[in-house]
Amino acid sequence: MAVVDVKNNTRLKIELDGGFEGNRHVLKSKTFSRIKTDANNEDLFQAAHSLASLQSLPLYKVKKLEEIELVEEV
């Protein structure tokens, strides 16, 4: 039985550095959906930096979130 993966959904998440509240590091995040499943990582990284430049807080981290379904190959 062969199993293949099918990309169903891709989202881009940027995390922004909100500073510290006491000893706790505060992160704010924004998630962008409806990203093309075949978008390459370099383009997503560049888009994240462009979007982060429009925010008031500095960029902390860029994440690519993928939803992948495993199906049995017929």
Foldseek 3Di string as FASTA:
>chain_A
DDKDKDWDWKKKKWWFFPQDDVPDTDIDMDIGTPDDPPDDPVVSVVVNVVVQVPDPTHTDDMDMDIDMDIDDDD
